[in-house]
Amino acid sequence: MLSVDSTISDIYAQNFKGLCKAFAVNMDGARYCKKGTKLLKRLDKRYYLGCGDIKNVLIENIEVYSRKRQKALILAESNVDNFCVRHFRTSKKYSGTKALNVGYSQREKVIVNILTA
């Protein structure tokens, strides 16, 4: 969910199953785009204070398997309000990969209900 300047809101998604190369859900405000394509520069004060605007998102019944160990399966580094994932499953293969990494978001506004595989 790429939001830097505009709002993404009122999203409902359900019943996803598959393999991911990077993140199952990515809300990083385009911080890690390839050189020359970045929408948000490191010098922009929003890089660290939060950018984007993602509101009222519910994702249910997601089963994700990672191809490799990574930062997290759900990355929340945008301004997020009322983001909820219910019934999240993953494989034990990369048990060191966290389900959720809340970098620049307020933790209390991001909820993930994890089920053990």
PDB file of N, CA and C in Angstrom:
ATOM      1  N   MET A   1       0.855  -1.158   0.000  1.00  0.00           N
ATOM      2  CA  MET A   1       0.000   0.000   0.000  1.00  0.00           C
ATOM      3  C   MET A   1       0.898   1.217   0.000  1.00  0.00           C
ATOM      4  N   LEU A   2       1.023   1.817  -1.147  1.00  0.00           N
ATOM      5  CA  LEU A   2       1.957   2.928  -1.290  1.00  0.00           C
ATOM      6  C   LEU A   2       1.243   4.259  -1.118  1.00  0.00           C
ATOM      7  N   SER A   3       1.526   4.886   0.005  1.00  0.00           N
ATOM      8  CA  SER A   3       0.983   6.208   0.268  1.00  0.00           C
ATOM      9  C   SER A   3       2.119   7.090   0.758  1.00  0.00           C
ATOM     10  N   VAL A   4       2.358   8.166   0.049  1.00  0.00           N
ATOM     11  CA  VAL A   4       3.334   9.166   0.481  1.00  0.00           C
ATOM     12  C   VAL A   4       2.609  10.473   0.756  1.00  0.00           C
ATOM     13  N   ASP A   5       1.813  10.931  -0.197  1.00  0.00           N
ATOM     14  CA  ASP A   5       1.096  12.195  -0.055  1.00  0.00           C
ATOM     15  C   ASP A   5      -0.425  12.051   0.000  1.00  0.00           C
ATOM     16  N   SER A   6      -0.968  10.961  -0.497  1.00  0.00           N
ATOM     17  CA  SER A   6      -2.414  10.793  -0.581  1.00  0.00           C
ATOM     18  C   SER A   6      -2.894   9.696   0.357  1.00  0.00           C
ATOM     19  N   THR A   7      -4.166   9.739   0.693  1.00  0.00           N
ATOM     20  CA  THR A   7      -4.758   8.785   1.627  1.00  0.00           C
ATOM     21  C   THR A   7      -5.208   7.512   0.931  1.00  0.00           C
ATOM     22  N   ILE A   8      -4.963   6.377   1.580  1.00  0.00           N
ATOM     23  CA  ILE A   8      -5.542   5.087   1.208  1.00  0.00           C
ATOM     24  C   ILE A   8      -6.450   4.722   2.375  1.00  0.00           C
ATOM     25  N   SER A   9      -7.741   4.467   2.093  1.00  0.00           N
ATOM     26  CA  SER A   9      -8.643   4.192   3.205  1.00  0.00           C
ATOM     27  C   SER A   9      -9.744   3.214   2.822  1.00  0.00           C
ATOM     28  N   ASP A  10     -10.345   2.653   3.870  1.00  0.00           N
ATOM     29  CA  ASP A  10     -11.507   1.775   3.737  1.00  0.00           C
ATOM     30  C   ASP A  10     -11.236   0.582   2.828  1.00  0.00           C
ATOM     31  N   ILE A  11     -10.232  -0.202   3.202  1.00  0.00           N
ATOM     32  CA  ILE A  11      -9.825  -1.386   2.440  1.00  0.00           C
ATOM     33  C   ILE A  11     -10.232  -2.641   3.208  1.00  0.00           C
ATOM     34  N   TYR A  12     -10.826  -3.587   2.510  1.00  0.00           N
ATOM     35  CA  TYR A  12     -11.131  -4.894   3.083  1.00  0.00           C
ATOM     36  C   TYR A  12     -10.643  -5.946   2.099  1.00  0.00           C
ATOM     37  N   ALA A  13      -9.779  -6.839   2.575  1.00  0.00           N
ATOM     38  CA  ALA A  13      -9.261  -7.921   1.735  1.00  0.00           C
ATOM     39  C   ALA A  13      -9.316  -9.210   2.544  1.00  0.00           C
ATOM     40  N   GLN A  14      -9.573 -10.317   1.866  1.00  0.00           N
ATOM     41  CA  GLN A  14      -9.667 -11.576   2.591  1.00  0.00           C
ATOM     42  C   GLN A  14      -9.181 -12.748   1.755  1.00  0.00           C
ATOM     43  N   ASN A  15      -8.825 -13.814   2.469  1.00  0.00           N
ATOM     44  CA  ASN A  15      -8.501 -15.111   1.878  1.00  0.00           C
ATOM     45  C   ASN A  15      -7.328 -15.074   0.903  1.00  0.00           C
ATOM     46  N   PHE A  16      -6.180 -14.660   1.398  1.00  0.00           N
ATOM     47  CA  PHE A  16      -4.947 -14.684   0.613  1.00  0.00           C
ATOM     48  C   PHE A  16      -4.090 -15.849   1.072  1.00  0.00           C
ATOM     49  N   LYS A  17      -3.469 -16.536   0.127  1.00  0.00           N
ATOM     50  CA  LYS A  17      -2.537 -17.600   0.449  1.00  0.00           C
ATOM     51  C   LYS A  17      -1.448 -17.585  -0.610  1.00  0.00           C
ATOM     52  N   GLY A  18      -0.191 -17.590  -0.171  1.00  0.00           N
ATOM     53  CA  GLY A  18       0.865 -17.614  -1.160  1.00  0.00           C
ATOM     54  C   GLY A  18       2.242 -17.367  -0.595  1.00  0.00           C
ATOM     55  N   LEU A  19       3.160 -17.210  -1.517  1.00  0.00           N
ATOM     56  CA  LEU A  19       4.574 -17.011  -1.228  1.00  0.00           C
ATOM     57  C   LEU A  19       4.925 -15.557  -1.461  1.00  0.00           C
ATOM     58  N   CYS A  20       5.754 -14.983  -0.596  1.00  0.00           N
ATOM     59  CA  CYS A  20       6.182 -13.604  -0.832  1.00  0.00           C
ATOM     60  C   CYS A  20       7.698 -13.530  -0.864  1.00  0.00           C
ATOM     61  N   LYS A  21       8.198 -12.639  -1.698  1.00  0.00           N
ATOM     62  CA  LYS A  21       9.636 -12.440  -1.844  1.00  0.00           C
ATOM     63  C   LYS A  21      10.140 -11.402  -0.860  1.00  0.00           C
ATOM     64  N   ALA A  22       9.362 -10.363  -0.635  1.00  0.00           N
ATOM     65  CA  ALA A  22       9.792  -9.304   0.275  1.00  0.00           C
ATOM     66  C   ALA A  22       8.834  -9.204   1.458  1.00  0.00           C
ATOM     67  N   PHE A  23       7.696  -8.539   1.285  1.00  0.00           N
ATOM     68  CA  PHE A  23       6.724  -8.382   2.361  1.00  0.00           C
ATOM     69  C   PHE A  23       5.350  -8.837   1.872  1.00  0.00           C
ATOM     70  N   ALA A  24       4.585  -9.421   2.759  1.00  0.00           N
ATOM     71  CA  ALA A  24       3.202  -9.776   2.415  1.00  0.00           C
ATOM     72  C   ALA A  24       2.356  -8.509   2.343  1.00  0.00           C
ATOM     73  N   VAL A  25       2.556  -7.611   3.299  1.00  0.00           N
ATOM     74  CA  VAL A  25       1.904  -6.304   3.300  1.00  0.00           C
ATOM     75  C   VAL A  25       2.989  -5.271   3.553  1.00  0.00           C
ATOM     76  N   ASN A  26       3.144  -4.357   2.618  1.00  0.00           N
ATOM     77  CA  ASN A  26       4.208  -3.364   2.706  1.00  0.00           C
ATOM     78  C   ASN A  26       3.605  -1.964   2.743  1.00  0.00           C
ATOM     79  N   MET A  27       3.896  -1.260   3.826  1.00  0.00           N
ATOM     80  CA  MET A  27       3.466   0.137   3.969  1.00  0.00           C
ATOM     81  C   MET A  27       4.691   0.927   4.425  1.00  0.00           C
ATOM     82  N   ASP A  28       5.660   1.093   3.527  1.00  0.00           N
ATOM     83  CA  ASP A  28       6.923   1.717   3.912  1.00  0.00           C
ATOM     84  C   ASP A  28       7.090   3.139   3.385  1.00  0.00           C
ATOM     85  N   GLY A  29       6.073   3.696   2.765  1.00  0.00           N
ATOM     86  CA  GLY A  29       6.169   5.067   2.267  1.00  0.00           C
ATOM     87  C   GLY A  29       7.221   5.229   1.186  1.00  0.00           C
ATOM     88  N   ALA A  30       7.539   4.163   0.484  1.00  0.00           N
ATOM     89  CA  ALA A  30       8.521   4.171  -0.616  1.00  0.00           C
ATOM     90  C   ALA A  30       9.924   4.556  -0.153  1.00  0.00           C
ATOM     91  N   ARG A  31      10.265   4.221   1.068  1.00  0.00           N
ATOM     92  CA  ARG A  31      11.598   4.545   1.599  1.00  0.00           C
ATOM     93  C   ARG A  31      12.713   3.749   0.934  1.00  0.00           C
ATOM     94  N   TYR A  32      12.407   2.552   0.456  1.00  0.00           N
ATOM     95  CA  TYR A  32      13.464   1.655  -0.008  1.00  0.00           C
ATOM     96  C   TYR A  32      13.445   1.399  -1.510  1.00  0.00           C
ATOM     97  N   CYS A  33      12.837   2.294  -2.260  1.00  0.00           N
ATOM     98  CA  CYS A  33      12.838   2.149  -3.717  1.00  0.00           C
ATOM     99  C   CYS A  33      14.266   2.233  -4.252  1.00  0.00           C
ATOM    100  N   LYS A  34      14.457   1.721  -5.439  1.00  0.00           N
ATOM    101  CA  LYS A  34      15.780   1.779  -6.061  1.00  0.00           C
ATOM    102  C   LYS A  34      16.214   3.222  -6.271  1.00  0.00           C
ATOM    103  N   LYS A  35      17.518   3.423  -6.277  1.00  0.00           N
ATOM    104  CA  LYS A  35      18.086   4.751  -6.482  1.00  0.00           C
ATOM    105  C   LYS A  35      17.533   5.363  -7.773  1.00  0.00           C
ATOM    106  N   GLY A  36      17.124   6.611  -7.682  1.00  0.00           N
ATOM    107  CA  GLY A  36      16.571   7.302  -8.837  1.00  0.00           C
ATOM    108  C   GLY A  36      15.056   7.215  -8.932  1.00  0.00           C
ATOM    109  N   THR A  37      14.445   6.305  -8.154  1.00  0.00           N
ATOM    110  CA  THR A  37      12.993   6.173  -8.204  1.00  0.00           C
ATOM    111  C   THR A  37      12.330   6.488  -6.861  1.00  0.00           C
ATOM    112  N   LYS A  38      13.095   6.881  -5.879  1.00  0.00           N
ATOM    113  CA  LYS A  38      12.540   7.136  -4.546  1.00  0.00           C
ATOM    114  C   LYS A  38      11.570   8.305  -4.571  1.00  0.00           C
ATOM    115  N   LEU A  39      10.435   8.110  -3.925  1.00  0.00           N
ATOM    116  CA  LEU A  39       9.436   9.158  -3.814  1.00  0.00           C
ATOM    117  C   LEU A  39       9.669  10.016  -2.571  1.00  0.00           C
ATOM    118  N   LEU A  40      10.359   9.458  -1.594  1.00  0.00           N
ATOM    119  CA  LEU A  40      10.617  10.148  -0.337  1.00  0.00           C
ATOM    120  C   LEU A  40      12.116  10.114  -0.059  1.00  0.00           C
ATOM    121  N   LYS A  41      12.725  11.266  -0.046  1.00  0.00           N
ATOM    122  CA  LYS A  41      14.170  11.357   0.168  1.00  0.00           C
ATOM    123  C   LYS A  41      14.491  11.314   1.655  1.00  0.00           C
ATOM    124  N   ARG A  42      15.652  10.808   1.988  1.00  0.00           N
ATOM    125  CA  ARG A  42      16.094  10.705   3.379  1.00  0.00           C
ATOM    126  C   ARG A  42      16.181  12.072   4.060  1.00  0.00           C
ATOM    127  N   LEU A  43      16.373  13.130   3.301  1.00  0.00           N
ATOM    128  CA  LEU A  43      16.456  14.473   3.861  1.00  0.00           C
ATOM    129  C   LEU A  43      15.087  15.073   4.173  1.00  0.00           C
ATOM    130  N   ASP A  44      14.024  14.470   3.627  1.00  0.00           N
ATOM    131  CA  ASP A  44      12.667  14.938   3.895  1.00  0.00           C
ATOM    132  C   ASP A  44      12.313  14.584   5.341  1.00  0.00           C
ATOM    133  N   LYS A  45      11.854  15.554   6.140  1.00  0.00           N
ATOM    134  CA  LYS A  45      11.584  15.298   7.555  1.00  0.00           C
ATOM    135  C   LYS A  45      10.517  14.218   7.751  1.00  0.00           C
ATOM    136  N   ARG A  46       9.662  13.990   6.751  1.00  0.00           N
ATOM    137  CA  ARG A  46       8.650  12.944   6.854  1.00  0.00           C
ATOM    138  C   ARG A  46       9.251  11.542   6.816  1.00  0.00           C
ATOM    139  N   TYR A  47      10.481  11.413   6.362  1.00  0.00           N
ATOM    140  CA  TYR A  47      11.130  10.100   6.288  1.00  0.00           C
ATOM    141  C   TYR A  47      11.131   9.448   7.667  1.00  0.00           C
ATOM    142  N   TYR A  48      11.452  10.221   8.689  1.00  0.00           N
ATOM    143  CA  TYR A  48      11.533   9.698  10.052  1.00  0.00           C
ATOM    144  C   TYR A  48      10.289   9.991  10.880  1.00  0.00           C
ATOM    145  N   LEU A  49       9.551  11.024  10.560  1.00  0.00           N
ATOM    146  CA  LEU A  49       8.367  11.389  11.334  1.00  0.00           C
ATOM    147  C   LEU A  49       7.121  10.653  10.865  1.00  0.00           C
ATOM    148  N   GLY A  50       7.200  10.047   9.718  1.00  0.00           N
ATOM    149  CA  GLY A  50       6.049   9.343   9.155  1.00  0.00           C
ATOM    150  C   GLY A  50       5.525  10.059   7.932  1.00  0.00           C
ATOM    151  N   CYS A  51       5.159   9.300   6.964  1.00  0.00           N
ATOM    152  CA  CYS A  51       4.587   9.851   5.739  1.00  0.00           C
ATOM    153  C   CYS A  51       3.419   8.974   5.355  1.00  0.00           C
ATOM    154  N   GLY A  52       2.705   9.405   4.373  1.00  0.00           N
ATOM    155  CA  GLY A  52       1.573   8.622   3.912  1.00  0.00           C
ATOM    156  C   GLY A  52       0.421   8.691   4.882  1.00  0.00           C
ATOM    157  N   ASP A  53      -0.654   8.089   4.498  1.00  0.00           N
ATOM    158  CA  ASP A  53      -1.860   8.130   5.295  1.00  0.00           C
ATOM    159  C   ASP A  53      -2.693   6.903   4.935  1.00  0.00           C
ATOM    160  N   ILE A  54      -2.678   5.893   5.803  1.00  0.00           N
ATOM    161  CA  ILE A  54      -3.409   4.656   5.563  1.00  0.00           C
ATOM    162  C   ILE A  54      -4.384   4.469   6.720  1.00  0.00           C
ATOM    163  N   LYS A  55      -5.681   4.364   6.385  1.00  0.00           N
ATOM    164  CA  LYS A  55      -6.714   4.320   7.418  1.00  0.00           C
ATOM    165  C   LYS A  55      -7.740   3.224   7.135  1.00  0.00           C
ATOM    166  N   ASN A  56      -8.234   2.648   8.222  1.00  0.00           N
ATOM    167  CA  ASN A  56      -9.368   1.722   8.159  1.00  0.00           C
ATOM    168  C   ASN A  56      -9.140   0.566   7.178  1.00  0.00           C
ATOM    169  N   VAL A  57      -8.164  -0.268   7.508  1.00  0.00           N
ATOM    170  CA  VAL A  57      -7.833  -1.433   6.680  1.00  0.00           C
ATOM    171  C   VAL A  57      -8.073  -2.695   7.502  1.00  0.00           C
ATOM    172  N   LEU A  58      -8.792  -3.637   6.937  1.00  0.00           N
ATOM    173  CA  LEU A  58      -9.012  -4.940   7.560  1.00  0.00           C
ATOM    174  C   LEU A  58      -8.637  -6.016   6.556  1.00  0.00           C
ATOM    175  N   ILE A  59      -7.718  -6.883   6.960  1.00  0.00           N
ATOM    176  CA  ILE A  59      -7.309  -8.027   6.140  1.00  0.00           C
ATOM    177  C   ILE A  59      -7.587  -9.275   6.971  1.00  0.00           C
ATOM    178  N   GLU A  60      -8.294 -10.244   6.394  1.00  0.00           N
ATOM    179  CA  GLU A  60      -8.657 -11.460   7.122  1.00  0.00           C
ATOM    180  C   GLU A  60      -8.204 -12.703   6.369  1.00  0.00           C
ATOM    181  N   ASN A  61      -7.838 -13.716   7.128  1.00  0.00           N
ATOM    182  CA  ASN A  61      -7.481 -15.023   6.581  1.00  0.00           C
ATOM    183  C   ASN A  61      -6.356 -14.929   5.558  1.00  0.00           C
ATOM    184  N   ILE A  62      -5.172 -14.621   6.049  1.00  0.00           N
ATOM    185  CA  ILE A  62      -4.004 -14.535   5.178  1.00  0.00           C
ATOM    186  C   ILE A  62      -2.992 -15.595   5.635  1.00  0.00           C
ATOM    187  N   GLU A  63      -2.513 -16.363   4.683  1.00  0.00           N
ATOM    188  CA  GLU A  63      -1.515 -17.398   4.949  1.00  0.00           C
ATOM    189  C   GLU A  63      -0.345 -17.147   4.010  1.00  0.00           C
ATOM    190  N   VAL A  64       0.797 -16.769   4.596  1.00  0.00           N
ATOM    191  CA  VAL A  64       1.932 -16.320   3.799  1.00  0.00           C
ATOM    192  C   VAL A  64       3.177 -17.122   4.150  1.00  0.00           C
ATOM    193  N   TYR A  65       3.903 -17.479   3.129  1.00  0.00           N
ATOM    194  CA  TYR A  65       5.174 -18.174   3.285  1.00  0.00           C
ATOM    195  C   TYR A  65       6.262 -17.318   2.663  1.00  0.00           C
ATOM    196  N   SER A  66       7.301 -17.083   3.410  1.00  0.00           N
ATOM    197  CA  SER A  66       8.391 -16.234   2.945  1.00  0.00           C
ATOM    198  C   SER A  66       9.452 -17.058   2.235  1.00  0.00           C
ATOM    199  N   ARG A  67      10.029 -16.489   1.179  1.00  0.00           N
ATOM    200  CA  ARG A  67      11.108 -17.174   0.456  1.00  0.00           C
ATOM    201  C   ARG A  67      12.424 -17.089   1.211  1.00  0.00           C
ATOM    202  N   LYS A  68      12.542 -16.078   2.072  1.00  0.00           N
ATOM    203  CA  LYS A  68      13.787 -15.893   2.813  1.00  0.00           C
ATOM    204  C   LYS A  68      13.501 -15.142   4.105  1.00  0.00           C
ATOM    205  N   ARG A  69      14.461 -15.155   5.000  1.00  0.00           N
ATOM    206  CA  ARG A  69      14.338 -14.393   6.239  1.00  0.00           C
ATOM    207  C   ARG A  69      14.396 -12.913   5.885  1.00  0.00           C
ATOM    208  N   GLN A  70      13.509 -12.138   6.466  1.00  0.00           N
ATOM    209  CA  GLN A  70      13.455 -10.719   6.150  1.00  0.00           C
ATOM    210  C   GLN A  70      13.067  -9.916   7.390  1.00  0.00           C
ATOM    211  N   LYS A  71      12.921  -8.628   7.233  1.00  0.00           N
ATOM    212  CA  LYS A  71      12.616  -7.722   8.339  1.00  0.00           C
ATOM    213  C   LYS A  71      11.300  -8.083   9.027  1.00  0.00           C
ATOM    214  N   ALA A  72      10.283  -8.371   8.265  1.00  0.00           N
ATOM    215  CA  ALA A  72       8.963  -8.774   8.773  1.00  0.00           C
ATOM    216  C   ALA A  72       8.079  -9.135   7.591  1.00  0.00           C
ATOM    217  N   LEU A  73       7.005  -9.814   7.862  1.00  0.00           N
ATOM    218  CA  LEU A  73       6.051 -10.130   6.801  1.00  0.00           C
ATOM    219  C   LEU A  73       5.076  -8.984   6.569  1.00  0.00           C
ATOM    220  N   ILE A  74       4.803  -8.225   7.633  1.00  0.00           N
ATOM    221  CA  ILE A  74       3.981  -7.023   7.513  1.00  0.00           C
ATOM    222  C   ILE A  74       4.835  -5.854   7.993  1.00  0.00           C
ATOM    223  N   LEU A  75       5.091  -4.918   7.098  1.00  0.00           N
ATOM    224  CA  LEU A  75       5.934  -3.763   7.420  1.00  0.00           C
ATOM    225  C   LEU A  75       5.061  -2.513   7.448  1.00  0.00           C
ATOM    226  N   ALA A  76       4.994  -1.866   8.605  1.00  0.00           N
ATOM    227  CA  ALA A  76       4.168  -0.660   8.773  1.00  0.00           C
ATOM    228  C   ALA A  76       5.071   0.518   9.130  1.00  0.00           C
ATOM    229  N   GLU A  77       5.447   1.279   8.109  1.00  0.00           N
ATOM    230  CA  GLU A  77       6.299   2.455   8.320  1.00  0.00           C
ATOM    231  C   GLU A  77       5.662   3.699   7.712  1.00  0.00           C
ATOM    232  N   SER A  78       4.348   3.700   7.635  1.00  0.00           N
ATOM    233  CA  SER A  78       3.584   4.857   7.176  1.00  0.00           C
ATOM    234  C   SER A  78       2.727   5.321   8.342  1.00  0.00           C
ATOM    235  N   ASN A  79       2.082   6.461   8.197  1.00  0.00           N
ATOM    236  CA  ASN A  79       1.105   6.884   9.197  1.00  0.00           C
ATOM    237  C   ASN A  79      -0.112   6.000   9.025  1.00  0.00           C
ATOM    238  N   VAL A  80      -0.343   5.138   9.992  1.00  0.00           N
ATOM    239  CA  VAL A  80      -1.395   4.135   9.905  1.00  0.00           C
ATOM    240  C   VAL A  80      -2.385   4.346  11.049  1.00  0.00           C
ATOM    241  N   ASP A  81      -3.659   4.302  10.735  1.00  0.00           N
ATOM    242  CA  ASP A  81      -4.700   4.417  11.746  1.00  0.00           C
ATOM    243  C   ASP A  81      -5.752   3.352  11.479  1.00  0.00           C
ATOM    244  N   ASN A  82      -5.947   2.472  12.447  1.00  0.00           N
ATOM    245  CA  ASN A  82      -6.936   1.408  12.351  1.00  0.00           C
ATOM    246  C   ASN A  82      -6.596   0.416  11.237  1.00  0.00           C
ATOM    247  N   PHE A  83      -5.460  -0.228  11.366  1.00  0.00           N
ATOM    248  CA  PHE A  83      -5.019  -1.286  10.452  1.00  0.00           C
ATOM    249  C   PHE A  83      -5.083  -2.597  11.219  1.00  0.00           C
ATOM    250  N   CYS A  84      -5.846  -3.550  10.731  1.00  0.00           N
ATOM    251  CA  CYS A  84      -6.045  -4.802  11.458  1.00  0.00           C
ATOM    252  C   CYS A  84      -5.909  -5.996  10.519  1.00  0.00           C
ATOM    253  N   VAL A  85      -5.145  -6.993  10.961  1.00  0.00           N
ATOM    254  CA  VAL A  85      -5.052  -8.265  10.251  1.00  0.00           C
ATOM    255  C   VAL A  85      -5.556  -9.333  11.210  1.00  0.00           C
ATOM    256  N   ARG A  86      -6.558 -10.083  10.785  1.00  0.00           N
ATOM    257  CA  ARG A  86      -7.103 -11.177  11.595  1.00  0.00           C
ATOM    258  C   ARG A  86      -6.788 -12.504  10.940  1.00  0.00           C
ATOM    259  N   HIS A  87      -6.439 -13.462  11.755  1.00  0.00           N
ATOM    260  CA  HIS A  87      -6.170 -14.822  11.286  1.00  0.00           C
ATOM    261  C   HIS A  87      -5.003 -14.843  10.300  1.00  0.00           C
ATOM    262  N   PHE A  88      -3.834 -14.501  10.810  1.00  0.00           N
ATOM    263  CA  PHE A  88      -2.596 -14.463  10.033  1.00  0.00           C
ATOM    264  C   PHE A  88      -1.809 -15.731  10.325  1.00  0.00           C
ATOM    265  N   ARG A  89      -1.415 -16.457   9.279  1.00  0.00           N
ATOM    266  CA  ARG A  89      -0.624 -17.683   9.433  1.00  0.00           C
ATOM    267  C   ARG A  89       0.629 -17.585   8.576  1.00  0.00           C
ATOM    268  N   THR A  90       1.671 -18.236   9.059  1.00  0.00           N
ATOM    269  CA  THR A  90       2.907 -18.313   8.282  1.00  0.00           C
ATOM    270  C   THR A  90       3.589 -19.647   8.562  1.00  0.00           C
ATOM    271  N   SER A  91       4.611 -19.960   7.799  1.00  0.00           N
ATOM    272  CA  SER A  91       5.316 -21.222   7.984  1.00  0.00           C
ATOM    273  C   SER A  91       6.323 -21.102   9.121  1.00  0.00           C
ATOM    274  N   LYS A  92       6.774 -22.225   9.609  1.00  0.00           N
ATOM    275  CA  LYS A  92       7.797 -22.247  10.657  1.00  0.00           C
ATOM    276  C   LYS A  92       9.199 -22.178  10.057  1.00  0.00           C
ATOM    277  N   LYS A  93       9.300 -22.299   8.747  1.00  0.00           N
ATOM    278  CA  LYS A  93      10.611 -22.359   8.096  1.00  0.00           C
ATOM    279  C   LYS A  93      11.476 -21.158   8.448  1.00  0.00           C
ATOM    280  N   TYR A  94      10.934 -19.975   8.358  1.00  0.00           N
ATOM    281  CA  TYR A  94      11.685 -18.769   8.703  1.00  0.00           C
ATOM    282  C   TYR A  94      11.128 -18.185   9.984  1.00  0.00           C
ATOM    283  N   SER A  95      11.233 -18.953  11.046  1.00  0.00           N
ATOM    284  CA  SER A  95      10.647 -18.529  12.316  1.00  0.00           C
ATOM    285  C   SER A  95      11.308 -17.276  12.874  1.00  0.00           C
ATOM    286  N   GLY A  96      12.496 -16.926  12.387  1.00  0.00           N
ATOM    287  CA  GLY A  96      13.164 -15.702  12.828  1.00  0.00           C
ATOM    288  C   GLY A  96      12.567 -14.452  12.200  1.00  0.00           C
ATOM    289  N   THR A  97      11.754 -14.615  11.182  1.00  0.00           N
ATOM    290  CA  THR A  97      11.096 -13.476  10.540  1.00  0.00           C
ATOM    291  C   THR A  97       9.866 -13.101  11.346  1.00  0.00           C
ATOM    292  N   LYS A  98       9.832 -11.872  11.822  1.00  0.00           N
ATOM    293  CA  LYS A  98       8.687 -11.405  12.597  1.00  0.00           C
ATOM    294  C   LYS A  98       7.469 -11.262  11.696  1.00  0.00           C
ATOM    295  N   ALA A  99       6.311 -11.389  12.300  1.00  0.00           N
ATOM    296  CA  ALA A  99       5.078 -11.163  11.547  1.00  0.00           C
ATOM    297  C   ALA A  99       4.905  -9.680  11.265  1.00  0.00           C
ATOM    298  N   LEU A 100       5.266  -8.829  12.238  1.00  0.00           N
ATOM    299  CA  LEU A 100       4.993  -7.397  12.134  1.00  0.00           C
ATOM    300  C   LEU A 100       6.202  -6.584  12.568  1.00  0.00           C
ATOM    301  N   ASN A 101       6.510  -5.559  11.784  1.00  0.00           N
ATOM    302  CA  ASN A 101       7.513  -4.567  12.169  1.00  0.00           C
ATOM    303  C   ASN A 101       6.862  -3.199  12.016  1.00  0.00           C
ATOM    304  N   VAL A 102       6.728  -2.503  13.126  1.00  0.00           N
ATOM    305  CA  VAL A 102       6.137  -1.166  13.131  1.00  0.00           C
ATOM    306  C   VAL A 102       7.294  -0.191  13.332  1.00  0.00           C
ATOM    307  N   GLY A 103       7.732   0.401  12.224  1.00  0.00           N
ATOM    308  CA  GLY A 103       8.878   1.297  12.280  1.00  0.00           C
ATOM    309  C   GLY A 103       8.500   2.710  12.660  1.00  0.00           C
ATOM    310  N   TYR A 104       7.815   3.409  11.783  1.00  0.00           N
ATOM    311  CA  TYR A 104       7.490   4.809  11.999  1.00  0.00           C
ATOM    312  C   TYR A 104       6.021   5.008  12.330  1.00  0.00           C
ATOM    313  N   SER A 105       5.290   3.914  12.542  1.00  0.00           N
ATOM    314  CA  SER A 105       3.858   3.982  12.850  1.00  0.00           C
ATOM    315  C   SER A 105       3.664   3.951  14.359  1.00  0.00           C
ATOM    316  N   GLN A 106       2.495   4.327  14.789  1.00  0.00           N
ATOM    317  CA  GLN A 106       2.149   4.220  16.200  1.00  0.00           C
ATOM    318  C   GLN A 106       1.628   2.809  16.448  1.00  0.00           C
ATOM    319  N   ARG A 107       2.298   2.068  17.306  1.00  0.00           N
ATOM    320  CA  ARG A 107       1.998   0.650  17.530  1.00  0.00           C
ATOM    321  C   ARG A 107       0.551   0.365  17.907  1.00  0.00           C
ATOM    322  N   GLU A 108      -0.061   1.226  18.683  1.00  0.00           N
ATOM    323  CA  GLU A 108      -1.416   0.940  19.153  1.00  0.00           C
ATOM    324  C   GLU A 108      -2.462   1.020  18.046  1.00  0.00           C
ATOM    325  N   LYS A 109      -2.087   1.506  16.882  1.00  0.00           N
ATOM    326  CA  LYS A 109      -3.040   1.637  15.773  1.00  0.00           C
ATOM    327  C   LYS A 109      -2.903   0.499  14.763  1.00  0.00           C
ATOM    328  N   VAL A 110      -1.989  -0.433  15.023  1.00  0.00           N
ATOM    329  CA  VAL A 110      -1.762  -1.570  14.128  1.00  0.00           C
ATOM    330  C   VAL A 110      -1.960  -2.845  14.935  1.00  0.00           C
ATOM    331  N   ILE A 111      -2.890  -3.691  14.514  1.00  0.00           N
ATOM    332  CA  ILE A 111      -3.222  -4.910  15.240  1.00  0.00           C
ATOM    333  C   ILE A 111      -3.079  -6.104  14.305  1.00  0.00           C
ATOM    334  N   VAL A 112      -2.369  -7.132  14.748  1.00  0.00           N
ATOM    335  CA  VAL A 112      -2.247  -8.375  13.986  1.00  0.00           C
ATOM    336  C   VAL A 112      -2.581  -9.536  14.905  1.00  0.00           C
ATOM    337  N   ASN A 113      -3.531 -10.376  14.506  1.00  0.00           N
ATOM    338  CA  ASN A 113      -3.901 -11.553  15.245  1.00  0.00           C
ATOM    339  C   ASN A 113      -3.208 -12.740  14.579  1.00  0.00           C
ATOM    340  N   ILE A 114      -2.212 -13.303  15.254  1.00  0.00           N
ATOM    341  CA  ILE A 114      -1.386 -14.360  14.663  1.00  0.00           C
ATOM    342  C   ILE A 114      -1.868 -15.723  15.138  1.00  0.00           C
ATOM    343  N   LEU A 115      -2.039 -16.633  14.201  1.00  0.00           N
ATOM    344  CA  LEU A 115      -2.358 -18.015  14.512  1.00  0.00           C
ATOM    345  C   LEU A 115      -1.110 -18.851  14.282  1.00  0.00           C
ATOM    346  N   THR A 116      -0.855 -19.800  15.125  1.00  0.00           N
ATOM    347  CA  THR A 116       0.315 -20.647  14.929  1.00  0.00           C
ATOM    348  C   THR A 116       0.045 -21.647  13.827  1.00  0.00           C
ATOM    349  N   ALA A 117       1.088 -21.935  13.073  1.00  0.00           N
ATOM    350  CA  ALA A 117       0.942 -22.857  11.929  1.00  0.00           C
ATOM    351  C   ALA A 117       0.872 -24.285  12.396  1.00  0.00           C
TER     352      ALA A 117
END
